Amino acid sequence: MNPDPVALQAERRIFLIRQQRVMLDYDLAALYGVETRALKQAVRRNSDRFPSDFMFELADNEVAAMVSQNVIPGLGKLGGARPMAFTEQGVAMLSSVLRSRRAVQVNIAIMRAFVRLREMLLTNAELARKLADLERKYDSQFKAVFDAIRQLMAPPPAPPKPEIGFHVKEDALPYRVNRK
């Protein structure tokens, strides 16, 4: 079965914040086809449906970290308001607050994205457990094989960031100035 395109979009918009997988309000608003302002308004009108384990506002340091990593635009672009982060349960609760037909369909796709992400994490954990069992079972002659498999399982390293500024190499100057 091919994954739903909305679910794939949602998967790319799930972040790990405060040790929880969450989606941010403006990403959800874009998926639901509503303004972020309208989504936040609906949530505030129904605040009793969104306890802190369903939804929380990002702290200033969290916003700064996400802006610096280009995950989110600056607060000026967000209208000066701090983003709201919704856990899986919070996203499910949004379906009772946003009652359009599109909201129902998008909500189903987002739930599928969370489930798929959870399955991928469980599969990777199961694979790591099986590898550890095999490593204990066999002696050191297979150590190189296990090390190579672990390297393949590890996420790729982040690409190096280019240096900012103007750099001059002494050898590249067309002439040298002798000061005596």
N, C-alpha and C. Protein backbone atom coordinates (compact mmCIF):
# COMPACT_ATOMS: atom_id res chain seq x y z
N MET A 1 0.84 -1.18 0.00
CA MET A 1 0.00 0.00 0.00
C MET A 1 0.89 1.25 0.00
N ASN A 2 0.64 2.17 -0.93
CA ASN A 2 1.40 3.41 -0.99
C ASN A 2 0.94 4.35 0.12
N PRO A 3 1.92 4.98 0.79
CA PRO A 3 1.53 5.91 1.85
C PRO A 3 0.78 7.12 1.27
N ASP A 4 -0.12 7.63 2.07
CA ASP A 4 -0.90 8.82 1.72
C ASP A 4 0.05 10.01 1.59
N PRO A 5 -0.08 10.83 0.51
CA PRO A 5 0.81 11.98 0.36
C PRO A 5 0.71 12.97 1.52
N VAL A 6 -0.47 13.14 2.10
CA VAL A 6 -0.61 14.03 3.25
C VAL A 6 0.12 13.43 4.45
N ALA A 7 0.06 12.11 4.60
CA ALA A 7 0.78 11.46 5.70
C ALA A 7 2.28 11.64 5.53
N LEU A 8 2.76 11.55 4.30
CA LEU A 8 4.20 11.77 4.05
C LEU A 8 4.59 13.20 4.38
N GLN A 9 3.74 14.17 4.00
CA GLN A 9 4.00 15.57 4.36
C GLN A 9 4.03 15.72 5.87
N ALA A 10 3.10 15.08 6.54
CA ALA A 10 3.02 15.17 8.00
C ALA A 10 4.26 14.56 8.65
N GLU A 11 4.74 13.44 8.12
CA GLU A 11 5.94 12.79 8.68
C GLU A 11 7.12 13.74 8.71
N ARG A 12 7.27 14.54 7.65
CA ARG A 12 8.39 15.48 7.56
C ARG A 12 8.23 16.65 8.53
N ARG A 13 7.04 16.81 9.08
CA ARG A 13 6.77 17.95 9.96
C ARG A 13 6.63 17.54 11.42
N ILE A 14 7.03 16.33 11.74
CA ILE A 14 7.00 15.86 13.13
C ILE A 14 8.40 16.08 13.71
N PHE A 15 8.46 16.80 14.83
CA PHE A 15 9.72 17.13 15.47
C PHE A 15 9.77 16.53 16.86
N LEU A 16 10.99 16.37 17.37
CA LEU A 16 11.18 15.90 18.73
C LEU A 16 11.51 17.12 19.60
N ILE A 17 10.57 17.50 20.45
CA ILE A 17 10.74 18.63 21.36
C ILE A 17 10.32 18.17 22.75
N ARG A 18 11.16 18.46 23.74
CA ARG A 18 10.89 18.04 25.13
C ARG A 18 10.65 16.53 25.22
N GLN A 19 11.42 15.79 24.45
CA GLN A 19 11.34 14.33 24.44
C GLN A 19 9.99 13.81 23.95
N GLN A 20 9.27 14.63 23.18
CA GLN A 20 7.97 14.22 22.64
C GLN A 20 7.95 14.51 21.14
N ARG A 21 7.29 13.62 20.40
CA ARG A 21 7.10 13.87 18.97
C ARG A 21 5.90 14.79 18.84
N VAL A 22 6.12 15.94 18.19
CA VAL A 22 5.08 16.96 18.09
C VAL A 22 5.02 17.54 16.68
N MET A 23 3.90 18.20 16.40
CA MET A 23 3.74 18.99 15.18
C MET A 23 3.43 20.42 15.62
N LEU A 24 3.94 21.38 14.86
CA LEU A 24 3.75 22.79 15.22
C LEU A 24 2.49 23.35 14.59
N ASP A 25 1.95 24.37 15.25
CA ASP A 25 0.66 24.93 14.85
C ASP A 25 0.61 25.39 13.40
N TYR A 26 1.64 26.06 12.91
CA TYR A 26 1.57 26.58 11.54
C TYR A 26 1.67 25.47 10.51
N ASP A 27 2.37 24.37 10.83
CA ASP A 27 2.40 23.22 9.92
C ASP A 27 1.02 22.57 9.87
N LEU A 28 0.40 22.42 11.05
CA LEU A 28 -0.94 21.84 11.11
C LEU A 28 -1.94 22.72 10.37
N ALA A 29 -1.84 24.03 10.57
CA ALA A 29 -2.75 24.96 9.89
C ALA A 29 -2.62 24.83 8.38
N ALA A 30 -1.38 24.70 7.89
CA ALA A 30 -1.16 24.55 6.45
C ALA A 30 -1.80 23.25 5.95
N LEU A 31 -1.63 22.17 6.69
CA LEU A 31 -2.22 20.89 6.29
C LEU A 31 -3.74 20.94 6.33
N TYR A 32 -4.30 21.60 7.36
CA TYR A 32 -5.75 21.69 7.49
C TYR A 32 -6.36 22.73 6.54
N GLY A 33 -5.52 23.59 5.97
CA GLY A 33 -6.03 24.61 5.06
C GLY A 33 -6.71 25.76 5.79
N VAL A 34 -6.23 26.08 7.00
CA VAL A 34 -6.78 27.21 7.76
C VAL A 34 -5.62 28.13 8.13
N GLU A 35 -5.94 29.34 8.54
CA GLU A 35 -4.91 30.27 9.01
C GLU A 35 -4.43 29.81 10.38
N THR A 36 -3.15 30.04 10.65
CA THR A 36 -2.60 29.68 11.96
C THR A 36 -3.37 30.41 13.06
N ARG A 37 -3.71 31.66 12.82
CA ARG A 37 -4.45 32.46 13.78
C ARG A 37 -5.78 31.78 14.13
N ALA A 38 -6.48 31.26 13.12
CA ALA A 38 -7.77 30.60 13.34
C ALA A 38 -7.60 29.31 14.15
N LEU A 39 -6.54 28.55 13.85
CA LEU A 39 -6.27 27.32 14.58
C LEU A 39 -6.00 27.63 16.05
N LYS A 40 -5.14 28.62 16.30
CA LYS A 40 -4.82 28.99 17.68
C LYS A 40 -6.07 29.49 18.41
N GLN A 41 -6.88 30.24 17.72
CA GLN A 41 -8.11 30.76 18.32
C GLN A 41 -9.03 29.61 18.75
N ALA A 42 -9.18 28.62 17.87
CA ALA A 42 -10.03 27.47 18.18
C ALA A 42 -9.48 26.71 19.39
N VAL A 43 -8.17 26.58 19.46
CA VAL A 43 -7.54 25.87 20.58
C VAL A 43 -7.77 26.64 21.88
N ARG A 44 -7.58 27.96 21.84
CA ARG A 44 -7.76 28.77 23.06
C ARG A 44 -9.21 28.78 23.53
N ARG A 45 -10.14 28.77 22.57
CA ARG A 45 -11.56 28.72 22.94
C ARG A 45 -11.91 27.39 23.62
N ASN A 46 -11.14 26.36 23.33
CA ASN A 46 -11.38 25.02 23.88
C ASN A 46 -10.18 24.56 24.71
N SER A 47 -9.61 25.45 25.49
CA SER A 47 -8.37 25.16 26.22
C SER A 47 -8.49 23.96 27.16
N ASP A 48 -9.70 23.69 27.67
CA ASP A 48 -9.87 22.55 28.56
C ASP A 48 -9.64 21.22 27.85
N ARG A 49 -9.70 21.21 26.53
CA ARG A 49 -9.45 19.98 25.75
C ARG A 49 -7.97 19.75 25.47
N PHE A 50 -7.12 20.72 25.82
CA PHE A 50 -5.70 20.64 25.49
C PHE A 50 -4.82 20.79 26.73
N PRO A 51 -4.76 19.74 27.56
CA PRO A 51 -3.85 19.79 28.71
C PRO A 51 -2.40 19.81 28.22
N SER A 52 -1.47 20.02 29.13
CA SER A 52 -0.06 20.20 28.75
C SER A 52 0.56 18.97 28.08
N ASP A 53 -0.01 17.78 28.28
CA ASP A 53 0.54 16.61 27.57
C ASP A 53 -0.07 16.46 26.17
N PHE A 54 -1.00 17.34 25.81
CA PHE A 54 -1.58 17.36 24.46
C PHE A 54 -1.00 18.51 23.64
N MET A 55 -0.75 19.67 24.30
CA MET A 55 -0.29 20.85 23.60
C MET A 55 0.47 21.75 24.57
N PHE A 56 1.56 22.36 24.07
CA PHE A 56 2.29 23.34 24.88
C PHE A 56 2.87 24.39 23.94
N GLU A 57 3.11 25.59 24.49
CA GLU A 57 3.75 26.64 23.71
C GLU A 57 5.25 26.49 23.88
N LEU A 58 5.98 26.74 22.79
CA LEU A 58 7.44 26.64 22.85
C LEU A 58 8.00 27.77 23.71
N ALA A 59 9.02 27.47 24.48
CA ALA A 59 9.72 28.48 25.27
C ALA A 59 10.63 29.28 24.33
N ASP A 60 11.06 30.44 24.79
CA ASP A 60 11.90 31.31 23.96
C ASP A 60 13.17 30.60 23.49
N ASN A 61 13.82 29.84 24.38
CA ASN A 61 15.05 29.15 23.99
C ASN A 61 14.78 28.05 22.96
N GLU A 62 13.63 27.40 23.03
CA GLU A 62 13.27 26.39 22.03
C GLU A 62 13.02 27.04 20.67
N VAL A 63 12.34 28.18 20.69
CA VAL A 63 12.09 28.92 19.44
C VAL A 63 13.43 29.34 18.84
N ALA A 64 14.31 29.91 19.67
CA ALA A 64 15.61 30.37 19.19
C ALA A 64 16.41 29.23 18.57
N ALA A 65 16.38 28.07 19.22
CA ALA A 65 17.12 26.91 18.69
C ALA A 65 16.55 26.46 17.34
N MET A 66 15.24 26.44 17.22
CA MET A 66 14.63 25.99 15.97
C MET A 66 14.81 27.02 14.86
N VAL A 67 14.81 28.30 15.20
CA VAL A 67 15.07 29.34 14.19
C VAL A 67 16.51 29.23 13.71
N SER A 68 17.45 29.03 14.64
CA SER A 68 18.86 28.95 14.26
C SER A 68 19.16 27.73 13.39
N GLN A 69 18.36 26.69 13.51
CA GLN A 69 18.55 25.49 12.69
C GLN A 69 17.71 25.53 11.41
N ASN A 70 17.06 26.67 11.17
CA ASN A 70 16.20 26.86 9.99
C ASN A 70 15.04 25.87 9.94
N VAL A 71 14.60 25.41 11.10
CA VAL A 71 13.45 24.52 11.17
C VAL A 71 12.17 25.34 11.07
N ILE A 72 12.20 26.52 11.72
CA ILE A 72 11.04 27.41 11.67
C ILE A 72 11.52 28.80 11.31
N PRO A 73 10.61 29.64 10.76
CA PRO A 73 11.00 31.03 10.49
C PRO A 73 11.07 31.81 11.80
N GLY A 74 11.60 33.01 11.75
CA GLY A 74 11.70 33.85 12.95
C GLY A 74 10.33 34.24 13.46
N LEU A 75 10.28 34.72 14.70
CA LEU A 75 9.02 35.10 15.31
C LEU A 75 8.32 36.22 14.54
N GLY A 76 9.09 37.09 13.91
CA GLY A 76 8.49 38.16 13.11
C GLY A 76 7.64 37.59 11.99
N LYS A 77 8.13 36.53 11.37
CA LYS A 77 7.39 35.86 10.30
C LYS A 77 6.16 35.13 10.85
N LEU A 78 6.21 34.76 12.13
CA LEU A 78 5.11 34.04 12.77
C LEU A 78 4.13 34.99 13.45
N GLY A 79 4.25 36.28 13.18
CA GLY A 79 3.34 37.25 13.78
C GLY A 79 3.69 37.57 15.21
N GLY A 80 4.91 37.24 15.65
CA GLY A 80 5.35 37.54 16.99
C GLY A 80 4.88 36.55 18.05
N ALA A 81 4.01 35.63 17.70
CA ALA A 81 3.49 34.67 18.67
C ALA A 81 4.38 33.42 18.70
N ARG A 82 4.54 32.87 19.89
CA ARG A 82 5.31 31.63 20.00
C ARG A 82 4.48 30.47 19.47
N PRO A 83 5.11 29.56 18.75
CA PRO A 83 4.37 28.42 18.19
C PRO A 83 3.84 27.48 19.28
N MET A 84 2.72 26.85 18.97
CA MET A 84 2.16 25.80 19.82
C MET A 84 2.63 24.47 19.25
N ALA A 85 2.97 23.55 20.14
CA ALA A 85 3.39 22.21 19.73
C ALA A 85 2.32 21.22 20.19
N PHE A 86 1.87 20.36 19.27
CA PHE A 86 0.81 19.41 19.56
C PHE A 86 1.38 17.99 19.52
N THR A 87 1.14 17.24 20.59
CA THR A 87 1.52 15.83 20.61
C THR A 87 0.50 15.06 19.77
N GLU A 88 0.72 13.77 19.64
CA GLU A 88 -0.21 12.94 18.87
C GLU A 88 -1.63 13.06 19.41
N GLN A 89 -1.77 13.06 20.74
CA GLN A 89 -3.10 13.18 21.34
C GLN A 89 -3.70 14.57 21.07
N GLY A 90 -2.85 15.58 21.08
CA GLY A 90 -3.32 16.93 20.79
C GLY A 90 -3.80 17.07 19.36
N VAL A 91 -3.10 16.43 18.43
CA VAL A 91 -3.53 16.45 17.03
C VAL A 91 -4.88 15.74 16.90
N ALA A 92 -5.03 14.62 17.61
CA ALA A 92 -6.31 13.91 17.57
C ALA A 92 -7.43 14.79 18.14
N MET A 93 -7.14 15.54 19.19
CA MET A 93 -8.14 16.42 19.78
C MET A 93 -8.51 17.55 18.84
N LEU A 94 -7.58 17.97 17.98
CA LEU A 94 -7.88 19.03 17.01
C LEU A 94 -9.06 18.66 16.12
N SER A 95 -9.23 17.38 15.86
CA SER A 95 -10.34 16.96 14.98
C SER A 95 -11.69 17.28 15.60
N SER A 96 -11.75 17.36 16.95
CA SER A 96 -13.02 17.72 17.57
C SER A 96 -13.22 19.23 17.61
N VAL A 97 -12.16 19.97 17.41
CA VAL A 97 -12.23 21.43 17.44
C VAL A 97 -12.41 21.99 16.02
N LEU A 98 -11.67 21.43 15.08
CA LEU A 98 -11.79 21.83 13.67
C LEU A 98 -12.70 20.81 13.00
N ARG A 99 -13.87 21.21 12.61
CA ARG A 99 -14.88 20.24 12.20
C ARG A 99 -15.13 20.17 10.70
N SER A 100 -14.20 20.66 9.90
CA SER A 100 -14.43 20.60 8.45
C SER A 100 -14.16 19.19 7.93
N ARG A 101 -14.65 18.92 6.75
CA ARG A 101 -14.42 17.62 6.11
C ARG A 101 -12.93 17.40 5.87
N ARG A 102 -12.25 18.47 5.44
CA ARG A 102 -10.81 18.38 5.20
C ARG A 102 -10.07 18.06 6.50
N ALA A 103 -10.51 18.66 7.61
CA ALA A 103 -9.85 18.42 8.90
C ALA A 103 -9.91 16.94 9.27
N VAL A 104 -11.02 16.30 9.00
CA VAL A 104 -11.16 14.87 9.30
C VAL A 104 -10.17 14.06 8.46
N GLN A 105 -10.10 14.34 7.16
CA GLN A 105 -9.21 13.60 6.26
C GLN A 105 -7.74 13.83 6.62
N VAL A 106 -7.40 15.08 6.89
CA VAL A 106 -6.02 15.40 7.27
C VAL A 106 -5.67 14.74 8.59
N ASN A 107 -6.60 14.75 9.52
CA ASN A 107 -6.35 14.13 10.82
C ASN A 107 -6.06 12.64 10.68
N ILE A 108 -6.80 11.97 9.84
CA ILE A 108 -6.55 10.54 9.59
C ILE A 108 -5.15 10.34 9.04
N ALA A 109 -4.76 11.18 8.08
CA ALA A 109 -3.42 11.07 7.48
C ALA A 109 -2.33 11.34 8.52
N ILE A 110 -2.54 12.32 9.39
CA ILE A 110 -1.53 12.63 10.42
C ILE A 110 -1.42 11.48 11.41
N MET A 111 -2.53 10.90 11.81
CA MET A 111 -2.49 9.75 12.73
C MET A 111 -1.70 8.61 12.09
N ARG A 112 -1.91 8.39 10.80
CA ARG A 112 -1.15 7.35 10.10
C ARG A 112 0.34 7.67 10.10
N ALA A 113 0.69 8.94 9.96
CA ALA A 113 2.11 9.34 9.98
C ALA A 113 2.72 9.05 11.35
N PHE A 114 2.02 9.38 12.43
CA PHE A 114 2.53 9.09 13.77
C PHE A 114 2.70 7.59 13.97
N VAL A 115 1.74 6.80 13.53
CA VAL A 115 1.81 5.35 13.67
C VAL A 115 2.99 4.80 12.87
N ARG A 116 3.15 5.29 11.65
CA ARG A 116 4.27 4.83 10.79
C ARG A 116 5.61 5.18 11.43
N LEU A 117 5.73 6.36 11.98
CA LEU A 117 6.96 6.77 12.64
C LEU A 117 7.25 5.88 13.85
N ARG A 118 6.21 5.58 14.63
CA ARG A 118 6.38 4.70 15.79
C ARG A 118 6.82 3.31 15.35
N GLU A 119 6.22 2.79 14.27
CA GLU A 119 6.60 1.47 13.76
C GLU A 119 8.06 1.45 13.29
N MET A 120 8.49 2.54 12.63
CA MET A 120 9.88 2.60 12.16
C MET A 120 10.84 2.61 13.35
N LEU A 121 10.50 3.35 14.40
CA LEU A 121 11.36 3.39 15.58
C LEU A 121 11.41 2.04 16.27
N LEU A 122 10.26 1.35 16.37
CA LEU A 122 10.23 0.02 16.99
C LEU A 122 11.03 -0.98 16.16
N THR A 123 10.91 -0.90 14.84
CA THR A 123 11.65 -1.81 13.97
C THR A 123 13.14 -1.63 14.15
N ASN A 124 13.59 -0.37 14.22
CA ASN A 124 15.00 -0.10 14.40
C ASN A 124 15.48 -0.60 15.76
N ALA A 125 14.68 -0.42 16.80
CA ALA A 125 15.04 -0.90 18.13
C ALA A 125 15.12 -2.43 18.15
N GLU A 126 14.17 -3.07 17.49
CA GLU A 126 14.16 -4.54 17.40
C GLU A 126 15.40 -5.03 16.66
N LEU A 127 15.76 -4.36 15.58
CA LEU A 127 16.95 -4.73 14.81
C LEU A 127 18.21 -4.59 15.67
N ALA A 128 18.31 -3.51 16.43
CA ALA A 128 19.47 -3.31 17.31
C ALA A 128 19.53 -4.40 18.37
N ARG A 129 18.38 -4.80 18.93
CA ARG A 129 18.36 -5.86 19.94
C ARG A 129 18.82 -7.18 19.35
N LYS A 130 18.32 -7.51 18.15
CA LYS A 130 18.72 -8.75 17.50
C LYS A 130 20.21 -8.77 17.18
N LEU A 131 20.73 -7.62 16.76
CA LEU A 131 22.16 -7.53 16.47
C LEU A 131 22.98 -7.76 17.73
N ALA A 132 22.56 -7.19 18.85
CA ALA A 132 23.28 -7.38 20.13
C ALA A 132 23.23 -8.85 20.53
N ASP A 133 22.08 -9.52 20.32
CA ASP A 133 21.97 -10.94 20.64
C ASP A 133 22.94 -11.76 19.78
N LEU A 134 22.98 -11.46 18.49
CA LEU A 134 23.90 -12.18 17.60
C LEU A 134 25.35 -11.95 17.99
N GLU A 135 25.68 -10.73 18.38
CA GLU A 135 27.05 -10.40 18.75
C GLU A 135 27.47 -11.18 20.00
N ARG A 136 26.55 -11.35 20.95
CA ARG A 136 26.87 -12.13 22.14
C ARG A 136 27.03 -13.61 21.79
N LYS A 137 26.26 -14.06 20.82
CA LYS A 137 26.26 -15.47 20.46
C LYS A 137 27.55 -15.88 19.73
N TYR A 138 28.04 -15.00 18.86
CA TYR A 138 29.23 -15.34 18.08
C TYR A 138 30.45 -14.67 18.67
N ASP A 139 31.62 -15.26 18.39
CA ASP A 139 32.84 -14.73 19.00
C ASP A 139 33.40 -13.54 18.22
N SER A 140 34.59 -13.14 18.58
CA SER A 140 35.19 -11.91 18.05
C SER A 140 35.53 -11.97 16.57
N GLN A 141 35.48 -13.15 15.96
CA GLN A 141 35.80 -13.22 14.53
C GLN A 141 34.79 -12.45 13.68
N PHE A 142 33.60 -12.22 14.22
CA PHE A 142 32.58 -11.48 13.47
C PHE A 142 32.47 -10.02 13.94
N LYS A 143 33.38 -9.59 14.81
CA LYS A 143 33.32 -8.22 15.34
C LYS A 143 33.32 -7.18 14.22
N ALA A 144 34.15 -7.36 13.22
CA ALA A 144 34.23 -6.39 12.11
C ALA A 144 32.90 -6.32 11.37
N VAL A 145 32.24 -7.45 11.21
CA VAL A 145 30.93 -7.47 10.52
C VAL A 145 29.90 -6.69 11.34
N PHE A 146 29.88 -6.96 12.65
CA PHE A 146 28.92 -6.25 13.50
C PHE A 146 29.19 -4.75 13.54
N ASP A 147 30.48 -4.38 13.59
CA ASP A 147 30.82 -2.95 13.57
C ASP A 147 30.37 -2.30 12.27
N ALA A 148 30.54 -2.99 11.16
CA ALA A 148 30.12 -2.45 9.86
C ALA A 148 28.59 -2.29 9.81
N ILE A 149 27.86 -3.26 10.34
CA ILE A 149 26.39 -3.17 10.36
C ILE A 149 25.95 -2.00 11.22
N ARG A 150 26.60 -1.80 12.38
CA ARG A 150 26.25 -0.67 13.25
C ARG A 150 26.49 0.66 12.53
N GLN A 151 27.59 0.74 11.78
CA GLN A 151 27.87 1.98 11.03
C GLN A 151 26.79 2.23 9.99
N LEU A 152 26.29 1.17 9.37
CA LEU A 152 25.23 1.33 8.36
C LEU A 152 23.92 1.76 9.01
N MET A 153 23.69 1.32 10.25
CA MET A 153 22.45 1.67 10.95
C MET A 153 22.48 3.09 11.51
N ALA A 154 23.67 3.63 11.73
CA ALA A 154 23.78 4.97 12.33
C ALA A 154 23.32 6.03 11.33
N PRO A 155 22.70 7.09 11.83
CA PRO A 155 22.29 8.17 10.92
C PRO A 155 23.53 8.84 10.32
N PRO A 156 23.40 9.39 9.12
CA PRO A 156 24.56 10.02 8.49
C PRO A 156 24.98 11.26 9.28
N PRO A 157 26.28 11.57 9.29
CA PRO A 157 26.72 12.76 10.02
C PRO A 157 26.21 14.02 9.33
N ALA A 158 26.03 15.05 10.11
CA ALA A 158 25.57 16.33 9.55
C ALA A 158 26.67 16.90 8.66
N PRO A 159 26.30 17.48 7.52
CA PRO A 159 27.31 18.04 6.65
C PRO A 159 27.99 19.23 7.32
N PRO A 160 29.28 19.44 7.06
CA PRO A 160 29.97 20.55 7.71
C PRO A 160 29.39 21.88 7.21
N LYS A 161 29.31 22.84 8.13
CA LYS A 161 28.77 24.14 7.77
C LYS A 161 29.89 24.99 7.19
N PRO A 162 29.61 25.70 6.11
CA PRO A 162 30.66 26.54 5.53
C PRO A 162 30.98 27.72 6.45
N GLU A 163 32.25 28.13 6.43
CA GLU A 163 32.64 29.27 7.24
C GLU A 163 32.06 30.53 6.63
N ILE A 164 31.74 31.47 7.49
CA ILE A 164 31.19 32.74 7.04
C ILE A 164 32.28 33.80 7.13
N GLY A 165 32.36 34.63 6.12
CA GLY A 165 33.33 35.73 6.15
C GLY A 165 34.27 35.67 4.98
N PHE A 166 35.18 36.60 4.96
CA PHE A 166 36.15 36.72 3.88
C PHE A 166 37.48 36.20 4.38
N HIS A 167 38.05 35.22 3.69
CA HIS A 167 39.32 34.62 4.08
C HIS A 167 40.37 34.92 3.04
N VAL A 168 41.56 35.32 3.48
CA VAL A 168 42.65 35.63 2.56
C VAL A 168 43.79 34.67 2.88
N LYS A 169 44.29 34.01 1.85
CA LYS A 169 45.45 33.16 2.02
C LYS A 169 46.68 33.99 1.67
N GLU A 170 47.69 33.95 2.51
CA GLU A 170 48.89 34.76 2.28
C GLU A 170 49.54 34.43 0.95
N ASP A 171 49.53 33.15 0.57
CA ASP A 171 50.18 32.74 -0.69
C ASP A 171 49.44 33.27 -1.91
N ALA A 172 48.16 33.61 -1.75
CA ALA A 172 47.35 34.03 -2.89
C ALA A 172 47.50 35.51 -3.21
N LEU A 173 48.19 36.29 -2.35
CA LEU A 173 48.35 37.71 -2.61
C LEU A 173 49.25 37.94 -3.81
N PRO A 174 48.94 38.90 -4.68
CA PRO A 174 49.74 39.11 -5.89
C PRO A 174 51.12 39.69 -5.59
N TYR A 175 51.31 40.34 -4.48
CA TYR A 175 52.61 40.89 -4.12
C TYR A 175 52.72 40.93 -2.61
N ARG A 176 53.90 41.04 -2.12
CA ARG A 176 54.12 41.11 -0.69
C ARG A 176 54.64 42.51 -0.34
N VAL A 177 54.18 42.98 0.76
CA VAL A 177 54.64 44.28 1.24
C VAL A 177 55.69 44.02 2.31
N ASN A 178 56.88 44.52 2.08
CA ASN A 178 57.95 44.36 3.08
C ASN A 178 57.98 45.60 3.95
N ARG A 179 57.77 45.42 5.20
CA ARG A 179 57.81 46.55 6.13
C ARG A 179 59.06 46.43 6.97
N LYS A 180 59.92 47.43 6.88
CA LYS A 180 61.14 47.42 7.69
C LYS A 180 61.33 48.73 8.37
